[in-house]
Amino acid sequence: MLENKKKFTKRSESEKKIINNRLNRIEGQVRGVKKMIKEDRYCDDVLIQLSAIDKSVKSLANHILENHMQTCVLNDLENGNYEIIDEVVNLFRRFQ
């Protein structure tokens, strides 16, 4: 079983910028939905925007997951840390 050690991921400034831009966009979408609720907008319109937020969050999660697989997981495997496979399996379970 994996220990619960605190790990860190060193990201490049360009990667941080990409992630932060996407998070800012998601924040804007959430603020938009809050405004829609305040303005009593039609449920269908709100639900469409919530669906767009869901897709944005999933897209960002997939971006980070892909980067994780290509960097962190690969590095661990190259260094003989095969416990990373259990971590990845558990991570995929959370995505279900």
C-alpha atoms as a PDB file:
ATOM      1  CA  MET A   1       0.000   0.000   0.000  1.00  0.00           C
ATOM      2  CA  LEU A   2       1.236   3.471  -0.820  1.00  0.00           C
ATOM      3  CA  GLU A   3       2.201   5.768   2.003  1.00  0.00           C
ATOM      4  CA  ASN A   4       0.496   9.126   2.104  1.00  0.00           C
ATOM      5  CA  LYS A   5       3.611  11.211   1.515  1.00  0.00           C
ATOM      6  CA  LYS A   6       3.256  14.780   0.412  1.00  0.00           C
ATOM      7  CA  LYS A   7       4.502  15.016  -3.146  1.00  0.00           C
ATOM      8  CA  PHE A   8       5.159  18.003  -5.345  1.00  0.00           C
ATOM      9  CA  THR A   9       5.178  18.526  -9.099  1.00  0.00           C
ATOM     10  CA  LYS A  10       7.595  21.032 -10.549  1.00  0.00           C
ATOM     11  CA  ARG A  11       5.792  22.725 -13.428  1.00  0.00           C
ATOM     12  CA  SER A  12       7.310  25.061 -15.958  1.00  0.00           C
ATOM     13  CA  GLU A  13       6.145  28.665 -16.005  1.00  0.00           C
ATOM     14  CA  SER A  14       4.479  28.067 -19.376  1.00  0.00           C
ATOM     15  CA  GLU A  15       2.573  25.072 -17.978  1.00  0.00           C
ATOM     16  CA  LYS A  16       1.476  27.096 -14.950  1.00  0.00           C
ATOM     17  CA  LYS A  17       0.290  29.837 -17.302  1.00  0.00           C
ATOM     18  CA  ILE A  18      -1.750  27.363 -19.356  1.00  0.00           C
ATOM     19  CA  ILE A  19      -3.370  25.897 -16.240  1.00  0.00           C
ATOM     20  CA  ASN A  20      -4.032  29.285 -14.656  1.00  0.00           C
ATOM     21  CA  ASN A  21      -5.581  30.645 -17.856  1.00  0.00           C
ATOM     22  CA  ARG A  22      -7.945  27.693 -17.962  1.00  0.00           C
ATOM     23  CA  LEU A  23      -8.787  28.092 -14.276  1.00  0.00           C
ATOM     24  CA  ASN A  24      -9.488  31.780 -14.818  1.00  0.00           C
ATOM     25  CA  ARG A  25     -11.836  30.872 -17.657  1.00  0.00           C
ATOM     26  CA  ILE A  26     -13.633  28.364 -15.410  1.00  0.00           C
ATOM     27  CA  GLU A  27     -13.913  30.990 -12.653  1.00  0.00           C
ATOM     28  CA  GLY A  28     -15.454  33.352 -15.180  1.00  0.00           C
ATOM     29  CA  GLN A  29     -17.950  30.697 -16.217  1.00  0.00           C
ATOM     30  CA  VAL A  30     -18.932  30.106 -12.576  1.00  0.00           C
ATOM     31  CA  ARG A  31     -19.361  33.855 -11.998  1.00  0.00           C
ATOM     32  CA  GLY A  32     -21.544  33.915 -15.102  1.00  0.00           C
ATOM     33  CA  VAL A  33     -23.798  31.204 -13.698  1.00  0.00           C
ATOM     34  CA  LYS A  34     -24.056  33.044 -10.376  1.00  0.00           C
ATOM     35  CA  LYS A  35     -25.157  36.124 -12.299  1.00  0.00           C
ATOM     36  CA  MET A  36     -27.666  34.067 -14.253  1.00  0.00           C
ATOM     37  CA  ILE A  37     -29.180  32.773 -11.007  1.00  0.00           C
ATOM     38  CA  LYS A  38     -29.322  36.296  -9.568  1.00  0.00           C
ATOM     39  CA  GLU A  39     -31.105  37.451 -12.734  1.00  0.00           C
ATOM     40  CA  ASP A  40     -33.567  34.518 -12.601  1.00  0.00           C
ATOM     41  CA  ARG A  41     -32.464  33.225 -15.980  1.00  0.00           C
ATOM     42  CA  TYR A  42     -34.249  30.236 -17.474  1.00  0.00           C
ATOM     43  CA  CYS A  43     -33.212  26.832 -16.071  1.00  0.00           C
ATOM     44  CA  ASP A  44     -32.297  25.475 -19.486  1.00  0.00           C
ATOM     45  CA  ASP A  45     -29.817  28.311 -20.047  1.00  0.00           C
ATOM     46  CA  VAL A  46     -28.244  27.773 -16.620  1.00  0.00           C
ATOM     47  CA  LEU A  47     -27.954  24.032 -17.185  1.00  0.00           C
ATOM     48  CA  ILE A  48     -26.251  24.580 -20.534  1.00  0.00           C
ATOM     49  CA  GLN A  49     -23.690  26.823 -18.843  1.00  0.00           C
ATOM     50  CA  LEU A  50     -23.166  24.278 -16.055  1.00  0.00           C
ATOM     51  CA  SER A  51     -22.549  21.645 -18.697  1.00  0.00           C
ATOM     52  CA  ALA A  52     -19.940  23.920 -20.286  1.00  0.00           C
ATOM     53  CA  ILE A  53     -18.245  24.337 -16.885  1.00  0.00           C
ATOM     54  CA  ASP A  54     -18.254  20.568 -16.397  1.00  0.00           C
ATOM     55  CA  LYS A  55     -16.599  20.075 -19.782  1.00  0.00           C
ATOM     56  CA  SER A  56     -14.020  22.761 -19.018  1.00  0.00           C
ATOM     57  CA  VAL A  57     -13.113  21.159 -15.691  1.00  0.00           C
ATOM     58  CA  LYS A  58     -12.875  17.706 -17.277  1.00  0.00           C
ATOM     59  CA  SER A  59     -10.721  19.073 -20.075  1.00  0.00           C
ATOM     60  CA  LEU A  60      -8.349  20.671 -17.566  1.00  0.00           C
ATOM     61  CA  ALA A  61      -8.243  17.479 -15.497  1.00  0.00           C
ATOM     62  CA  ASN A  62      -7.382  15.488 -18.621  1.00  0.00           C
ATOM     63  CA  HIS A  63      -4.640  17.978 -19.497  1.00  0.00           C
ATOM     64  CA  ILE A  64      -3.108  17.634 -16.030  1.00  0.00           C
ATOM     65  CA  LEU A  65      -3.514  13.844 -16.111  1.00  0.00           C
ATOM     66  CA  GLU A  66      -1.776  13.614 -19.484  1.00  0.00           C
ATOM     67  CA  ASN A  67       1.076  15.765 -18.200  1.00  0.00           C
ATOM     68  CA  HIS A  68       1.253  13.646 -15.036  1.00  0.00           C
ATOM     69  CA  MET A  69       1.552  10.457 -17.062  1.00  0.00           C
ATOM     70  CA  GLN A  70       4.251  11.905 -19.332  1.00  0.00           C
ATOM     71  CA  THR A  71       6.336  13.381 -16.524  1.00  0.00           C
ATOM     72  CA  CYS A  72       5.758  12.210 -12.964  1.00  0.00           C
ATOM     73  CA  VAL A  73       4.697   8.644 -13.730  1.00  0.00           C
ATOM     74  CA  LEU A  74       7.357   8.148 -16.373  1.00  0.00           C
ATOM     75  CA  ASN A  75      10.062   9.492 -14.043  1.00  0.00           C
ATOM     76  CA  ASP A  76       8.939   7.200 -11.226  1.00  0.00           C
ATOM     77  CA  LEU A  77       8.934   4.158 -13.500  1.00  0.00           C
ATOM     78  CA  GLU A  78      12.385   5.038 -14.856  1.00  0.00           C
ATOM     79  CA  ASN A  79      13.622   5.276 -11.249  1.00  0.00           C
ATOM     80  CA  GLY A  80      12.170   1.872 -10.353  1.00  0.00           C
ATOM     81  CA  ASN A  81       9.216   3.143  -8.333  1.00  0.00           C
ATOM     82  CA  TYR A  82       6.587   0.706  -9.566  1.00  0.00           C
ATOM     83  CA  GLU A  83       4.213   1.641  -6.739  1.00  0.00           C
ATOM     84  CA  ILE A  84       3.275   4.567  -8.974  1.00  0.00           C
ATOM     85  CA  ILE A  85       1.133   2.094 -10.925  1.00  0.00           C
ATOM     86  CA  ASP A  86      -1.108   1.633  -7.863  1.00  0.00           C
ATOM     87  CA  GLU A  87      -1.349   5.410  -7.552  1.00  0.00           C
ATOM     88  CA  VAL A  88      -2.404   5.730 -11.189  1.00  0.00           C
ATOM     89  CA  VAL A  89      -4.966   2.918 -10.863  1.00  0.00           C
ATOM     90  CA  ASN A  90      -6.490   4.659  -7.828  1.00  0.00           C
ATOM     91  CA  LEU A  91      -6.468   7.940  -9.698  1.00  0.00           C
ATOM     92  CA  PHE A  92      -8.383   6.406 -12.605  1.00  0.00           C
ATOM     93  CA  ARG A  93     -10.930   4.987 -10.156  1.00  0.00           C
ATOM     94  CA  ARG A  94     -11.644   8.515  -8.975  1.00  0.00           C
ATOM     95  CA  PHE A  95     -12.381   9.568 -12.559  1.00  0.00           C
ATOM     96  CA  GLN A  96     -15.219   7.053 -12.880  1.00  0.00           C
END
